[in-house]
Amino acid sequence: MTRFLVVLTDVRPIDGSWRNERTSPERRRQVVGASSREAAERIAGAFMALGMVRAGRQRVKVIAIGRRHARG
């Protein structure tokens, strides 16, 4: 089973260079873990209702992270 992170970040202003999340990631405001895609989507939906996200100053990302081995 894959786990997910829901990340709320500040939007970086465009400065003419390429955006590279590996070398200079956007500043994180909130990080929440979820055990299923459905749960992650519900959390992301709640974040998307925030005024700063709706105004384009923050963004929401859903990231799949490592697989969890099923027991049993």
PDB file of N, CA and C in Angstrom:
ATOM      1  N   MET A   1       0.849  -1.178   0.000  1.00  0.00           N
ATOM      2  CA  MET A   1       0.000   0.000   0.000  1.00  0.00           C
ATOM      3  C   MET A   1       0.895   1.242   0.000  1.00  0.00           C
ATOM      4  N   THR A   2       0.589   2.187  -0.831  1.00  0.00           N
ATOM      5  CA  THR A   2       1.357   3.427  -0.935  1.00  0.00           C
ATOM      6  C   THR A   2       0.828   4.448   0.061  1.00  0.00           C
ATOM      7  N   ARG A   3       1.734   5.154   0.704  1.00  0.00           N
ATOM      8  CA  ARG A   3       1.343   6.244   1.600  1.00  0.00           C
ATOM      9  C   ARG A   3       1.471   7.560   0.849  1.00  0.00           C
ATOM     10  N   PHE A   4       0.804   8.582   1.373  1.00  0.00           N
ATOM     11  CA  PHE A   4       0.782   9.884   0.697  1.00  0.00           C
ATOM     12  C   PHE A   4       1.087  11.005   1.681  1.00  0.00           C
ATOM     13  N   LEU A   5       1.689  12.066   1.166  1.00  0.00           N
ATOM     14  CA  LEU A   5       1.867  13.307   1.904  1.00  0.00           C
ATOM     15  C   LEU A   5       1.066  14.389   1.196  1.00  0.00           C
ATOM     16  N   VAL A   6       0.405  15.212   1.979  1.00  0.00           N
ATOM     17  CA  VAL A   6      -0.278  16.385   1.444  1.00  0.00           C
ATOM     18  C   VAL A   6       0.502  17.580   1.970  1.00  0.00           C
ATOM     19  N   VAL A   7       1.017  18.389   1.055  1.00  0.00           N
ATOM     20  CA  VAL A   7       1.915  19.478   1.422  1.00  0.00           C
ATOM     21  C   VAL A   7       1.310  20.807   0.991  1.00  0.00           C
ATOM     22  N   LEU A   8       1.258  21.752   1.915  1.00  0.00           N
ATOM     23  CA  LEU A   8       0.813  23.116   1.634  1.00  0.00           C
ATOM     24  C   LEU A   8       2.070  23.978   1.601  1.00  0.00           C
ATOM     25  N   THR A   9       2.336  24.634   0.460  1.00  0.00           N
ATOM     26  CA  THR A   9       3.556  25.429   0.310  1.00  0.00           C
ATOM     27  C   THR A   9       3.229  26.856  -0.105  1.00  0.00           C
ATOM     28  N   ASP A  10       4.192  27.741   0.122  1.00  0.00           N
ATOM     29  CA  ASP A  10       4.099  29.100  -0.393  1.00  0.00           C
ATOM     30  C   ASP A  10       4.497  29.070  -1.863  1.00  0.00           C
ATOM     31  N   VAL A  11       3.846  29.880  -2.683  1.00  0.00           N
ATOM     32  CA  VAL A  11       4.209  29.983  -4.095  1.00  0.00           C
ATOM     33  C   VAL A  11       5.364  30.966  -4.197  1.00  0.00           C
ATOM     34  N   ARG A  12       6.416  30.526  -4.843  1.00  0.00           N
ATOM     35  CA  ARG A  12       7.609  31.348  -5.024  1.00  0.00           C
ATOM     36  C   ARG A  12       7.398  32.273  -6.218  1.00  0.00           C
ATOM     37  N   PRO A  13       7.780  33.535  -6.105  1.00  0.00           N
ATOM     38  CA  PRO A  13       7.639  34.412  -7.273  1.00  0.00           C
ATOM     39  C   PRO A  13       8.580  33.972  -8.392  1.00  0.00           C
ATOM     40  N   ILE A  14       8.165  34.180  -9.624  1.00  0.00           N
ATOM     41  CA  ILE A  14       8.986  33.813 -10.774  1.00  0.00           C
ATOM     42  C   ILE A  14      10.105  34.834 -10.905  1.00  0.00           C
ATOM     43  N   ASP A  15      11.340  34.330 -10.938  1.00  0.00           N
ATOM     44  CA  ASP A  15      12.496  35.224 -11.036  1.00  0.00           C
ATOM     45  C   ASP A  15      13.262  35.038 -12.339  1.00  0.00           C
ATOM     46  N   GLY A  16      12.641  34.399 -13.321  1.00  0.00           N
ATOM     47  CA  GLY A  16      13.278  34.218 -14.617  1.00  0.00           C
ATOM     48  C   GLY A  16      14.043  32.918 -14.755  1.00  0.00           C
ATOM     49  N   SER A  17      14.296  32.218 -13.653  1.00  0.00           N
ATOM     50  CA  SER A  17      15.019  30.951 -13.734  1.00  0.00           C
ATOM     51  C   SER A  17      14.040  29.787 -13.630  1.00  0.00           C
ATOM     52  N   TRP A  18      14.525  28.599 -13.948  1.00  0.00           N
ATOM     53  CA  TRP A  18      13.694  27.405 -13.860  1.00  0.00           C
ATOM     54  C   TRP A  18      13.440  27.057 -12.405  1.00  0.00           C
ATOM     55  N   ARG A  19      12.259  26.545 -12.128  1.00  0.00           N
ATOM     56  CA  ARG A  19      11.945  26.071 -10.785  1.00  0.00           C
ATOM     57  C   ARG A  19      12.412  24.628 -10.663  1.00  0.00           C
ATOM     58  N   ASN A  20      13.163  24.349  -9.618  1.00  0.00           N
ATOM     59  CA  ASN A  20      13.651  23.002  -9.389  1.00  0.00           C
ATOM     60  C   ASN A  20      13.397  22.657  -7.931  1.00  0.00           C
ATOM     61  N   GLU A  21      12.428  21.800  -7.685  1.00  0.00           N
ATOM     62  CA  GLU A  21      12.047  21.450  -6.318  1.00  0.00           C
ATOM     63  C   GLU A  21      13.139  20.669  -5.593  1.00  0.00           C
ATOM     64  N   ARG A  22      14.042  20.056  -6.317  1.00  0.00           N
ATOM     65  CA  ARG A  22      15.118  19.298  -5.668  1.00  0.00           C
ATOM     66  C   ARG A  22      16.207  20.206  -5.117  1.00  0.00           C
ATOM     67  N   THR A  23      16.539  21.279  -5.838  1.00  0.00           N
ATOM     68  CA  THR A  23      17.611  22.162  -5.381  1.00  0.00           C
ATOM     69  C   THR A  23      17.103  23.318  -4.530  1.00  0.00           C
ATOM     70  N   SER A  24      15.901  23.801  -4.801  1.00  0.00           N
ATOM     71  CA  SER A  24      15.353  24.897  -4.009  1.00  0.00           C
ATOM     72  C   SER A  24      13.837  24.735  -3.889  1.00  0.00           C
ATOM     73  N   PRO A  25      13.400  23.875  -2.968  1.00  0.00           N
ATOM     74  CA  PRO A  25      11.961  23.623  -2.820  1.00  0.00           C
ATOM     75  C   PRO A  25      11.221  24.835  -2.265  1.00  0.00           C
ATOM     76  N   GLU A  26       9.931  24.888  -2.552  1.00  0.00           N
ATOM     77  CA  GLU A  26       9.104  25.951  -1.990  1.00  0.00           C
ATOM     78  C   GLU A  26       8.980  25.754  -0.484  1.00  0.00           C
ATOM     79  N   ARG A  27       8.808  26.849   0.217  1.00  0.00           N
ATOM     80  CA  ARG A  27       8.686  26.802   1.676  1.00  0.00           C
ATOM     81  C   ARG A  27       7.404  26.084   2.078  1.00  0.00           C
ATOM     82  N   ARG A  28       7.542  25.085   2.948  1.00  0.00           N
ATOM     83  CA  ARG A  28       6.389  24.299   3.397  1.00  0.00           C
ATOM     84  C   ARG A  28       5.694  24.993   4.562  1.00  0.00           C
ATOM     85  N   ARG A  29       4.372  25.056   4.502  1.00  0.00           N
ATOM     86  CA  ARG A  29       3.564  25.607   5.577  1.00  0.00           C
ATOM     87  C   ARG A  29       2.967  24.512   6.445  1.00  0.00           C
ATOM     88  N   GLN A  30       2.564  23.411   5.795  1.00  0.00           N
ATOM     89  CA  GLN A  30       1.907  22.316   6.514  1.00  0.00           C
ATOM     90  C   GLN A  30       2.176  21.023   5.747  1.00  0.00           C
ATOM     91  N   VAL A  31       2.433  19.938   6.483  1.00  0.00           N
ATOM     92  CA  VAL A  31       2.616  18.620   5.876  1.00  0.00           C
ATOM     93  C   VAL A  31       1.765  17.634   6.669  1.00  0.00           C
ATOM     94  N   VAL A  32       0.918  16.884   5.957  1.00  0.00           N
ATOM     95  CA  VAL A  32       0.031  15.917   6.600  1.00  0.00           C
ATOM     96  C   VAL A  32       0.188  14.584   5.890  1.00  0.00           C
ATOM     97  N   GLY A  33       0.306  13.504   6.657  1.00  0.00           N
ATOM     98  CA  GLY A  33       0.403  12.170   6.079  1.00  0.00           C
ATOM     99  C   GLY A  33      -0.976  11.542   5.946  1.00  0.00           C
ATOM    100  N   ALA A  34      -1.140  10.693   4.935  1.00  0.00           N
ATOM    101  CA  ALA A  34      -2.404   9.973   4.720  1.00  0.00           C
ATOM    102  C   ALA A  34      -2.077   8.549   4.297  1.00  0.00           C
ATOM    103  N   SER A  35      -2.904   7.612   4.717  1.00  0.00           N
ATOM    104  CA  SER A  35      -2.645   6.202   4.415  1.00  0.00           C
ATOM    105  C   SER A  35      -3.303   5.736   3.124  1.00  0.00           C
ATOM    106  N   SER A  36      -4.170   6.562   2.529  1.00  0.00           N
ATOM    107  CA  SER A  36      -4.804   6.188   1.264  1.00  0.00           C
ATOM    108  C   SER A  36      -4.929   7.412   0.362  1.00  0.00           C
ATOM    109  N   ARG A  37      -5.077   7.147  -0.919  1.00  0.00           N
ATOM    110  CA  ARG A  37      -5.244   8.231  -1.894  1.00  0.00           C
ATOM    111  C   ARG A  37      -6.513   9.033  -1.612  1.00  0.00           C
ATOM    112  N   GLU A  38      -7.577   8.333  -1.231  1.00  0.00           N
ATOM    113  CA  GLU A  38      -8.848   9.004  -0.946  1.00  0.00           C
ATOM    114  C   GLU A  38      -8.711   9.967   0.229  1.00  0.00           C
ATOM    115  N   ALA A  39      -8.024   9.522   1.272  1.00  0.00           N
ATOM    116  CA  ALA A  39      -7.818  10.393   2.432  1.00  0.00           C
ATOM    117  C   ALA A  39      -6.974  11.608   2.049  1.00  0.00           C
ATOM    118  N   ALA A  40      -5.940  11.386   1.245  1.00  0.00           N
ATOM    119  CA  ALA A  40      -5.089  12.484   0.801  1.00  0.00           C
ATOM    120  C   ALA A  40      -5.880  13.494  -0.017  1.00  0.00           C
ATOM    121  N   GLU A  41      -6.768  13.003  -0.880  1.00  0.00           N
ATOM    122  CA  GLU A  41      -7.588  13.899  -1.698  1.00  0.00           C
ATOM    123  C   GLU A  41      -8.550  14.723  -0.846  1.00  0.00           C
ATOM    124  N   ARG A  42      -9.090  14.134   0.201  1.00  0.00           N
ATOM    125  CA  ARG A  42      -9.994  14.880   1.089  1.00  0.00           C
ATOM    126  C   ARG A  42      -9.246  15.970   1.838  1.00  0.00           C
ATOM    127  N   ILE A  43      -8.045  15.653   2.319  1.00  0.00           N
ATOM    128  CA  ILE A  43      -7.221  16.649   3.015  1.00  0.00           C
ATOM    129  C   ILE A  43      -6.841  17.766   2.049  1.00  0.00           C
ATOM    130  N   ALA A  44      -6.433  17.384   0.831  1.00  0.00           N
ATOM    131  CA  ALA A  44      -6.065  18.387  -0.171  1.00  0.00           C
ATOM    132  C   ALA A  44      -7.250  19.289  -0.498  1.00  0.00           C
ATOM    133  N   GLY A  45      -8.437  18.709  -0.571  1.00  0.00           N
ATOM    134  CA  GLY A  45      -9.632  19.508  -0.834  1.00  0.00           C
ATOM    135  C   GLY A  45      -9.884  20.535   0.249  1.00  0.00           C
ATOM    136  N   ALA A  46      -9.637  20.152   1.497  1.00  0.00           N
ATOM    137  CA  ALA A  46      -9.800  21.099   2.600  1.00  0.00           C
ATOM    138  C   ALA A  46      -8.774  22.228   2.495  1.00  0.00           C
ATOM    139  N   PHE A  47      -7.527  21.876   2.157  1.00  0.00           N
ATOM    140  CA  PHE A  47      -6.497  22.906   1.982  1.00  0.00           C
ATOM    141  C   PHE A  47      -6.848  23.838   0.826  1.00  0.00           C
ATOM    142  N   MET A  48      -7.429  23.292  -0.243  1.00  0.00           N
ATOM    143  CA  MET A  48      -7.753  24.116  -1.411  1.00  0.00           C
ATOM    144  C   MET A  48      -8.854  25.129  -1.125  1.00  0.00           C
ATOM    145  N   ALA A  49      -9.589  24.950  -0.052  1.00  0.00           N
ATOM    146  CA  ALA A  49     -10.628  25.909   0.320  1.00  0.00           C
ATOM    147  C   ALA A  49     -10.057  27.110   1.066  1.00  0.00           C
ATOM    148  N   LEU A  50      -8.785  27.050   1.460  1.00  0.00           N
ATOM    149  CA  LEU A  50      -8.171  28.165   2.184  1.00  0.00           C
ATOM    150  C   LEU A  50      -8.020  29.386   1.287  1.00  0.00           C
ATOM    151  N   GLY A  51      -8.178  30.547   1.867  1.00  0.00           N
ATOM    152  CA  GLY A  51      -8.103  31.803   1.117  1.00  0.00           C
ATOM    153  C   GLY A  51      -6.782  32.023   0.416  1.00  0.00           C
ATOM    154  N   MET A  52      -5.672  31.676   1.070  1.00  0.00           N
ATOM    155  CA  MET A  52      -4.347  31.889   0.467  1.00  0.00           C
ATOM    156  C   MET A  52      -4.142  30.986  -0.759  1.00  0.00           C
ATOM    157  N   VAL A  53      -4.707  29.791  -0.733  1.00  0.00           N
ATOM    158  CA  VAL A  53      -4.618  28.895  -1.885  1.00  0.00           C
ATOM    159  C   VAL A  53      -5.495  29.433  -3.009  1.00  0.00           C
ATOM    160  N   ARG A  54      -6.709  29.826  -2.667  1.00  0.00           N
ATOM    161  CA  ARG A  54      -7.621  30.361  -3.683  1.00  0.00           C
ATOM    162  C   ARG A  54      -7.101  31.645  -4.313  1.00  0.00           C
ATOM    163  N   ALA A  55      -6.321  32.427  -3.545  1.00  0.00           N
ATOM    164  CA  ALA A  55      -5.751  33.669  -4.069  1.00  0.00           C
ATOM    165  C   ALA A  55      -4.469  33.432  -4.863  1.00  0.00           C
ATOM    166  N   GLY A  56      -3.955  32.177  -4.869  1.00  0.00           N
ATOM    167  CA  GLY A  56      -2.758  31.863  -5.638  1.00  0.00           C
ATOM    168  C   GLY A  56      -1.462  32.125  -4.913  1.00  0.00           C
ATOM    169  N   ARG A  57      -1.505  32.357  -3.617  1.00  0.00           N
ATOM    170  CA  ARG A  57      -0.288  32.612  -2.844  1.00  0.00           C
ATOM    171  C   ARG A  57       0.302  31.339  -2.251  1.00  0.00           C
ATOM    172  N   GLN A  58      -0.511  30.298  -2.147  1.00  0.00           N
ATOM    173  CA  GLN A  58      -0.052  29.003  -1.665  1.00  0.00           C
ATOM    174  C   GLN A  58      -0.578  27.935  -2.613  1.00  0.00           C
ATOM    175  N   ARG A  59       0.071  26.753  -2.583  1.00  0.00           N
ATOM    176  CA  ARG A  59      -0.393  25.647  -3.418  1.00  0.00           C
ATOM    177  C   ARG A  59      -0.407  24.362  -2.611  1.00  0.00           C
ATOM    178  N   VAL A  60      -1.199  23.405  -3.080  1.00  0.00           N
ATOM    179  CA  VAL A  60      -1.350  22.113  -2.417  1.00  0.00           C
ATOM    180  C   VAL A  60      -0.765  21.047  -3.330  1.00  0.00           C
ATOM    181  N   LYS A  61       0.036  20.154  -2.745  1.00  0.00           N
ATOM    182  CA  LYS A  61       0.636  19.057  -3.507  1.00  0.00           C
ATOM    183  C   LYS A  61       0.316  17.746  -2.811  1.00  0.00           C
ATOM    184  N   VAL A  62      -0.046  16.734  -3.582  1.00  0.00           N
ATOM    185  CA  VAL A  62      -0.245  15.384  -3.054  1.00  0.00           C
ATOM    186  C   VAL A  62       0.888  14.546  -3.620  1.00  0.00           C
ATOM    187  N   ILE A  63       1.685  13.966  -2.722  1.00  0.00           N
ATOM    188  CA  ILE A  63       2.885  13.239  -3.124  1.00  0.00           C
ATOM    189  C   ILE A  63       2.796  11.801  -2.632  1.00  0.00           C
ATOM    190  N   ALA A  64       2.951  10.851  -3.550  1.00  0.00           N
ATOM    191  CA  ALA A  64       2.995   9.433  -3.173  1.00  0.00           C
ATOM    192  C   ALA A  64       4.404   9.129  -2.675  1.00  0.00           C
ATOM    193  N   ILE A  65       4.490   8.499  -1.516  1.00  0.00           N
ATOM    194  CA  ILE A  65       5.796   8.122  -0.977  1.00  0.00           C
ATOM    195  C   ILE A  65       5.852   6.608  -0.863  1.00  0.00           C
ATOM    196  N   GLY A  66       6.969   6.067  -0.423  1.00  0.00           N
ATOM    197  CA  GLY A  66       7.243   4.638  -0.398  1.00  0.00           C
ATOM    198  C   GLY A  66       6.067   3.706  -0.144  1.00  0.00           C
ATOM    199  N   ARG A  67       6.237   2.513  -0.585  1.00  0.00           N
ATOM    200  CA  ARG A  67       5.200   1.490  -0.406  1.00  0.00           C
ATOM    201  C   ARG A  67       5.298   0.880   0.978  1.00  0.00           C
ATOM    202  N   ARG A  68       4.132   0.618   1.546  1.00  0.00           N
ATOM    203  CA  ARG A  68       4.050  -0.081   2.816  1.00  0.00           C
ATOM    204  C   ARG A  68       3.710  -1.523   2.518  1.00  0.00           C
ATOM    205  N   HIS A  69       4.396  -2.454   3.141  1.00  0.00           N
ATOM    206  CA  HIS A  69       4.139  -3.869   2.897  1.00  0.00           C
ATOM    207  C   HIS A  69       2.902  -4.303   3.650  1.00  0.00           C
ATOM    208  N   ALA A  70       2.009  -5.010   2.961  1.00  0.00           N
ATOM    209  CA  ALA A  70       0.797  -5.526   3.593  1.00  0.00           C
ATOM    210  C   ALA A  70       1.161  -6.695   4.499  1.00  0.00           C
ATOM    211  N   ARG A  71       0.552  -6.739   5.667  1.00  0.00           N
ATOM    212  CA  ARG A  71       0.807  -7.831   6.609  1.00  0.00           C
ATOM    213  C   ARG A  71      -0.308  -8.846   6.509  1.00  0.00           C
ATOM    214  N   GLY A  72       0.069 -10.092   6.702  1.00  0.00           N
ATOM    215  CA  GLY A  72      -0.960 -11.105   6.787  1.00  0.00           C
ATOM    216  C   GLY A  72      -0.904 -12.074   5.735  1.00  0.00           C
TER     217      GLY A  72
END
